[in-house]
Amino acid sequence: MTHIEYRLHAFDLASRRGFADGNMFGHLLREKWGKFAPDKRAVLVECVKRFLIPAIPRRLNTIVSGTHNPIRIADSETIDDVENVSVGIPENLVLKVAAELSARPN
């Protein structure tokens, strides 16, 4: 059995095109849910909030937007001192977050 892990990098929080241009989980979600897949950007934002942000040793102000990279640091923030922080998330955890988001009422 193949164990797939996705890496979330803090430096992506500083990029307009970070986290694979916001499409980091797009293929996985389409493969598992097809046209009923939850929003890939919402899953990404939730995973960043749950797993990456807590791993960063200082507080960052983030913004959620509807553009390419859906979660970034605020313009007033810098990330130079923590840009090397990253976390690995197993595929099954990403799918669990996606399932939780799918179960939420709209």
N, C-alpha and C. Protein backbone atom coordinates (compact mmCIF):
# COMPACT_ATOMS: atom_id res chain seq x y z
N MET A 1 0.84 -1.18 0.00
CA MET A 1 0.00 0.00 0.00
C MET A 1 0.88 1.24 0.00
N THR A 2 0.58 2.16 -0.87
CA THR A 2 1.36 3.39 -0.98
C THR A 2 0.86 4.41 0.03
N HIS A 3 1.81 5.00 0.71
CA HIS A 3 1.48 6.05 1.68
C HIS A 3 1.86 7.39 1.04
N ILE A 4 0.87 8.20 0.74
CA ILE A 4 1.11 9.51 0.13
C ILE A 4 1.02 10.57 1.20
N GLU A 5 1.99 11.48 1.19
CA GLU A 5 2.01 12.58 2.14
C GLU A 5 2.13 13.89 1.37
N TYR A 6 1.34 14.84 1.74
CA TYR A 6 1.40 16.17 1.15
C TYR A 6 2.19 17.07 2.09
N ARG A 7 3.06 17.92 1.53
CA ARG A 7 3.87 18.83 2.34
C ARG A 7 3.32 20.23 2.22
N LEU A 8 3.03 20.83 3.34
CA LEU A 8 2.63 22.24 3.40
C LEU A 8 3.83 23.03 3.89
N HIS A 9 4.24 24.02 3.12
CA HIS A 9 5.43 24.83 3.43
C HIS A 9 5.01 26.24 3.81
N ALA A 10 5.63 26.76 4.85
CA ALA A 10 5.32 28.12 5.30
C ALA A 10 5.61 29.14 4.21
N PHE A 11 6.65 28.92 3.41
CA PHE A 11 6.98 29.91 2.38
C PHE A 11 5.85 30.10 1.38
N ASP A 12 4.97 29.10 1.23
CA ASP A 12 3.82 29.25 0.33
C ASP A 12 2.83 30.28 0.83
N LEU A 13 2.86 30.58 2.12
CA LEU A 13 1.96 31.61 2.67
C LEU A 13 2.32 33.00 2.16
N ALA A 14 3.53 33.16 1.66
CA ALA A 14 3.98 34.47 1.18
C ALA A 14 3.87 34.62 -0.34
N SER A 15 3.33 33.62 -1.00
CA SER A 15 3.28 33.62 -2.46
C SER A 15 1.84 33.69 -2.98
N ARG A 16 1.63 34.53 -3.97
CA ARG A 16 0.30 34.60 -4.60
C ARG A 16 -0.06 33.30 -5.31
N ARG A 17 0.94 32.53 -5.66
CA ARG A 17 0.73 31.27 -6.39
C ARG A 17 1.14 30.06 -5.54
N GLY A 18 1.19 30.24 -4.23
CA GLY A 18 1.63 29.18 -3.33
C GLY A 18 0.67 28.00 -3.27
N PHE A 19 1.14 26.94 -2.67
CA PHE A 19 0.38 25.70 -2.51
C PHE A 19 -0.12 25.21 -3.87
N ALA A 20 0.83 25.16 -4.83
CA ALA A 20 0.52 24.71 -6.20
C ALA A 20 -0.61 25.55 -6.81
N ASP A 21 -0.49 26.84 -6.61
CA ASP A 21 -1.49 27.78 -7.14
C ASP A 21 -2.87 27.52 -6.56
N GLY A 22 -2.89 27.03 -5.31
CA GLY A 22 -4.16 26.74 -4.65
C GLY A 22 -4.77 25.41 -5.05
N ASN A 23 -4.06 24.65 -5.86
CA ASN A 23 -4.60 23.41 -6.41
C ASN A 23 -3.95 22.17 -5.81
N MET A 24 -3.32 22.30 -4.67
CA MET A 24 -2.56 21.22 -4.08
C MET A 24 -3.36 19.92 -3.93
N PHE A 25 -4.62 20.01 -3.60
CA PHE A 25 -5.42 18.82 -3.37
C PHE A 25 -6.44 18.56 -4.48
N GLY A 26 -6.39 19.33 -5.56
CA GLY A 26 -7.37 19.21 -6.63
C GLY A 26 -7.47 17.82 -7.23
N HIS A 27 -6.33 17.24 -7.59
CA HIS A 27 -6.34 15.91 -8.21
C HIS A 27 -6.86 14.85 -7.25
N LEU A 28 -6.39 14.89 -6.02
CA LEU A 28 -6.83 13.92 -5.02
C LEU A 28 -8.34 13.96 -4.83
N LEU A 29 -8.88 15.15 -4.68
CA LEU A 29 -10.32 15.29 -4.43
C LEU A 29 -11.15 14.85 -5.64
N ARG A 30 -10.70 15.19 -6.84
CA ARG A 30 -11.41 14.74 -8.05
C ARG A 30 -11.36 13.23 -8.18
N GLU A 31 -10.19 12.65 -7.84
CA GLU A 31 -10.03 11.19 -7.92
C GLU A 31 -10.97 10.47 -6.96
N LYS A 32 -11.12 11.01 -5.75
CA LYS A 32 -11.91 10.34 -4.72
C LYS A 32 -13.40 10.65 -4.79
N TRP A 33 -13.76 11.88 -5.20
CA TRP A 33 -15.17 12.29 -5.19
C TRP A 33 -15.74 12.64 -6.55
N GLY A 34 -14.91 12.76 -7.56
CA GLY A 34 -15.41 13.16 -8.88
C GLY A 34 -16.07 14.53 -8.83
N LYS A 35 -17.20 14.64 -9.49
CA LYS A 35 -17.86 15.96 -9.56
C LYS A 35 -18.48 16.38 -8.22
N PHE A 36 -18.52 15.48 -7.26
CA PHE A 36 -19.07 15.81 -5.95
C PHE A 36 -17.98 16.21 -4.95
N ALA A 37 -16.78 16.44 -5.44
CA ALA A 37 -15.65 16.79 -4.58
C ALA A 37 -15.91 18.12 -3.87
N PRO A 38 -15.48 18.20 -2.62
CA PRO A 38 -15.57 19.49 -1.92
C PRO A 38 -14.61 20.49 -2.56
N ASP A 39 -14.81 21.73 -2.28
CA ASP A 39 -13.99 22.79 -2.85
C ASP A 39 -12.53 22.61 -2.44
N LYS A 40 -11.66 22.47 -3.42
CA LYS A 40 -10.24 22.20 -3.16
C LYS A 40 -9.58 23.33 -2.37
N ARG A 41 -10.00 24.55 -2.61
CA ARG A 41 -9.41 25.68 -1.89
C ARG A 41 -9.87 25.70 -0.43
N ALA A 42 -11.11 25.35 -0.18
CA ALA A 42 -11.61 25.28 1.20
C ALA A 42 -10.87 24.19 1.97
N VAL A 43 -10.61 23.07 1.33
CA VAL A 43 -9.87 21.99 1.98
C VAL A 43 -8.45 22.45 2.27
N LEU A 44 -7.83 23.13 1.32
CA LEU A 44 -6.48 23.64 1.52
C LEU A 44 -6.43 24.62 2.69
N VAL A 45 -7.33 25.57 2.72
CA VAL A 45 -7.37 26.56 3.80
C VAL A 45 -7.52 25.86 5.15
N GLU A 46 -8.42 24.91 5.23
CA GLU A 46 -8.64 24.20 6.49
C GLU A 46 -7.40 23.42 6.91
N CYS A 47 -6.74 22.77 5.97
CA CYS A 47 -5.52 22.01 6.30
C CYS A 47 -4.40 22.94 6.75
N VAL A 48 -4.26 24.08 6.10
CA VAL A 48 -3.24 25.05 6.51
C VAL A 48 -3.53 25.54 7.93
N LYS A 49 -4.79 25.84 8.21
CA LYS A 49 -5.16 26.32 9.55
C LYS A 49 -4.95 25.25 10.62
N ARG A 50 -5.28 24.00 10.30
CA ARG A 50 -5.18 22.93 11.29
C ARG A 50 -3.76 22.42 11.51
N PHE A 51 -2.97 22.38 10.44
CA PHE A 51 -1.69 21.68 10.54
C PHE A 51 -0.46 22.58 10.38
N LEU A 52 -0.46 23.48 9.40
CA LEU A 52 0.73 24.31 9.18
C LEU A 52 0.84 25.46 10.17
N ILE A 53 -0.21 26.23 10.32
CA ILE A 53 -0.17 27.41 11.20
C ILE A 53 0.26 27.03 12.62
N PRO A 54 -0.28 25.97 13.22
CA PRO A 54 0.16 25.61 14.57
C PRO A 54 1.64 25.19 14.66
N ALA A 55 2.22 24.76 13.54
CA ALA A 55 3.63 24.35 13.54
C ALA A 55 4.59 25.52 13.45
N ILE A 56 4.09 26.68 13.10
CA ILE A 56 4.93 27.88 12.99
C ILE A 56 5.11 28.45 14.39
N PRO A 57 6.37 28.70 14.80
CA PRO A 57 6.65 29.07 16.19
C PRO A 57 6.24 30.48 16.60
N ARG A 58 5.65 31.23 15.73
CA ARG A 58 5.12 32.55 16.11
C ARG A 58 3.80 32.78 15.39
N ARG A 59 3.06 33.72 15.91
CA ARG A 59 1.74 34.03 15.33
C ARG A 59 1.90 34.77 14.01
N LEU A 60 1.12 34.36 13.04
CA LEU A 60 1.06 35.03 11.74
C LEU A 60 -0.36 35.49 11.48
N ASN A 61 -0.49 36.66 10.91
CA ASN A 61 -1.80 37.13 10.48
C ASN A 61 -2.00 36.67 9.04
N THR A 62 -3.03 35.88 8.83
CA THR A 62 -3.31 35.37 7.49
C THR A 62 -4.62 35.95 6.97
N ILE A 63 -4.72 35.94 5.66
CA ILE A 63 -5.95 36.36 5.00
C ILE A 63 -6.41 35.23 4.09
N VAL A 64 -7.70 35.08 3.97
CA VAL A 64 -8.28 34.09 3.07
C VAL A 64 -8.90 34.87 1.91
N SER A 65 -8.54 34.47 0.69
CA SER A 65 -9.04 35.19 -0.47
C SER A 65 -9.58 34.20 -1.49
N GLY A 66 -10.24 34.70 -2.48
CA GLY A 66 -10.82 33.85 -3.52
C GLY A 66 -9.94 33.74 -4.75
N THR A 67 -8.66 34.11 -4.63
CA THR A 67 -7.77 34.06 -5.79
C THR A 67 -6.93 32.79 -5.78
N HIS A 68 -5.89 32.75 -6.58
CA HIS A 68 -5.07 31.56 -6.78
C HIS A 68 -4.73 30.85 -5.47
N ASN A 69 -3.89 31.45 -4.68
CA ASN A 69 -3.53 30.88 -3.38
C ASN A 69 -4.55 31.43 -2.38
N PRO A 70 -5.40 30.59 -1.84
CA PRO A 70 -6.51 31.10 -1.04
C PRO A 70 -6.16 31.51 0.40
N ILE A 71 -4.95 31.21 0.87
CA ILE A 71 -4.57 31.63 2.22
C ILE A 71 -3.13 32.12 2.18
N ARG A 72 -2.96 33.37 2.60
CA ARG A 72 -1.64 34.00 2.58
C ARG A 72 -1.46 34.85 3.83
N ILE A 73 -0.21 35.25 4.03
CA ILE A 73 0.03 36.18 5.12
C ILE A 73 -0.46 37.55 4.69
N ALA A 74 -0.82 38.36 5.67
CA ALA A 74 -1.24 39.73 5.40
C ALA A 74 -0.07 40.51 4.81
N ASP A 75 -0.36 41.54 4.03
CA ASP A 75 0.69 42.34 3.38
C ASP A 75 1.68 42.92 4.38
N SER A 76 1.24 43.17 5.60
CA SER A 76 2.11 43.76 6.61
C SER A 76 3.05 42.74 7.26
N GLU A 77 2.88 41.46 6.95
CA GLU A 77 3.66 40.38 7.57
C GLU A 77 4.90 40.03 6.74
N THR A 78 5.89 39.51 7.42
CA THR A 78 7.04 38.89 6.76
C THR A 78 7.15 37.47 7.30
N ILE A 79 7.78 36.64 6.53
CA ILE A 79 7.88 35.24 6.91
C ILE A 79 9.31 34.73 6.86
N ASP A 80 10.26 35.63 6.62
CA ASP A 80 11.66 35.25 6.42
C ASP A 80 12.20 34.35 7.53
N ASP A 81 11.83 34.59 8.76
CA ASP A 81 12.38 33.83 9.88
C ASP A 81 11.75 32.44 10.05
N VAL A 82 10.65 32.19 9.41
CA VAL A 82 9.97 30.89 9.56
C VAL A 82 9.64 30.23 8.22
N GLU A 83 10.21 30.73 7.14
CA GLU A 83 9.85 30.21 5.82
C GLU A 83 10.24 28.76 5.61
N ASN A 84 11.14 28.22 6.42
CA ASN A 84 11.56 26.83 6.26
C ASN A 84 10.69 25.83 7.03
N VAL A 85 9.69 26.31 7.74
CA VAL A 85 8.79 25.41 8.46
C VAL A 85 7.90 24.69 7.46
N SER A 86 7.77 23.39 7.63
CA SER A 86 6.85 22.63 6.79
C SER A 86 6.30 21.46 7.60
N VAL A 87 5.16 20.98 7.16
CA VAL A 87 4.54 19.81 7.80
C VAL A 87 4.08 18.85 6.71
N GLY A 88 4.11 17.58 7.06
CA GLY A 88 3.60 16.56 6.16
C GLY A 88 2.22 16.12 6.63
N ILE A 89 1.32 15.99 5.68
CA ILE A 89 -0.03 15.55 6.01
C ILE A 89 -0.33 14.30 5.20
N PRO A 90 -0.62 13.19 5.87
CA PRO A 90 -0.98 11.97 5.12
C PRO A 90 -2.27 12.18 4.32
N GLU A 91 -2.34 11.51 3.20
CA GLU A 91 -3.51 11.60 2.33
C GLU A 91 -4.80 11.34 3.08
N ASN A 92 -4.80 10.35 3.97
CA ASN A 92 -6.04 10.02 4.68
C ASN A 92 -6.51 11.16 5.57
N LEU A 93 -5.59 11.98 6.08
CA LEU A 93 -5.98 13.12 6.90
C LEU A 93 -6.57 14.23 6.03
N VAL A 94 -6.02 14.42 4.85
CA VAL A 94 -6.59 15.39 3.91
C VAL A 94 -8.01 14.97 3.55
N LEU A 95 -8.19 13.69 3.29
CA LEU A 95 -9.53 13.19 2.94
C LEU A 95 -10.50 13.32 4.11
N LYS A 96 -10.00 13.15 5.32
CA LYS A 96 -10.85 13.32 6.51
C LYS A 96 -11.33 14.77 6.62
N VAL A 97 -10.41 15.72 6.42
CA VAL A 97 -10.79 17.14 6.45
C VAL A 97 -11.81 17.41 5.35
N ALA A 98 -11.58 16.88 4.16
CA ALA A 98 -12.50 17.09 3.04
C ALA A 98 -13.88 16.52 3.35
N ALA A 99 -13.92 15.35 3.97
CA ALA A 99 -15.21 14.75 4.33
C ALA A 99 -15.94 15.58 5.36
N GLU A 100 -15.20 16.12 6.33
CA GLU A 100 -15.81 16.98 7.34
C GLU A 100 -16.41 18.24 6.70
N LEU A 101 -15.68 18.82 5.76
CA LEU A 101 -16.20 20.02 5.08
C LEU A 101 -17.41 19.68 4.23
N SER A 102 -17.39 18.51 3.61
CA SER A 102 -18.54 18.08 2.77
C SER A 102 -19.79 17.88 3.61
N ALA A 103 -19.60 17.46 4.84
CA ALA A 103 -20.73 17.17 5.71
C ALA A 103 -21.35 18.43 6.32
N ARG A 104 -20.66 19.53 6.25
CA ARG A 104 -21.18 20.78 6.81
C ARG A 104 -22.31 21.31 5.93
N PRO A 105 -23.35 21.81 6.56
CA PRO A 105 -24.43 22.42 5.75
C PRO A 105 -23.93 23.70 5.09
N ASN A 106 -24.43 23.95 3.91
CA ASN A 106 -24.01 25.16 3.16
C ASN A 106 -24.57 26.41 3.73
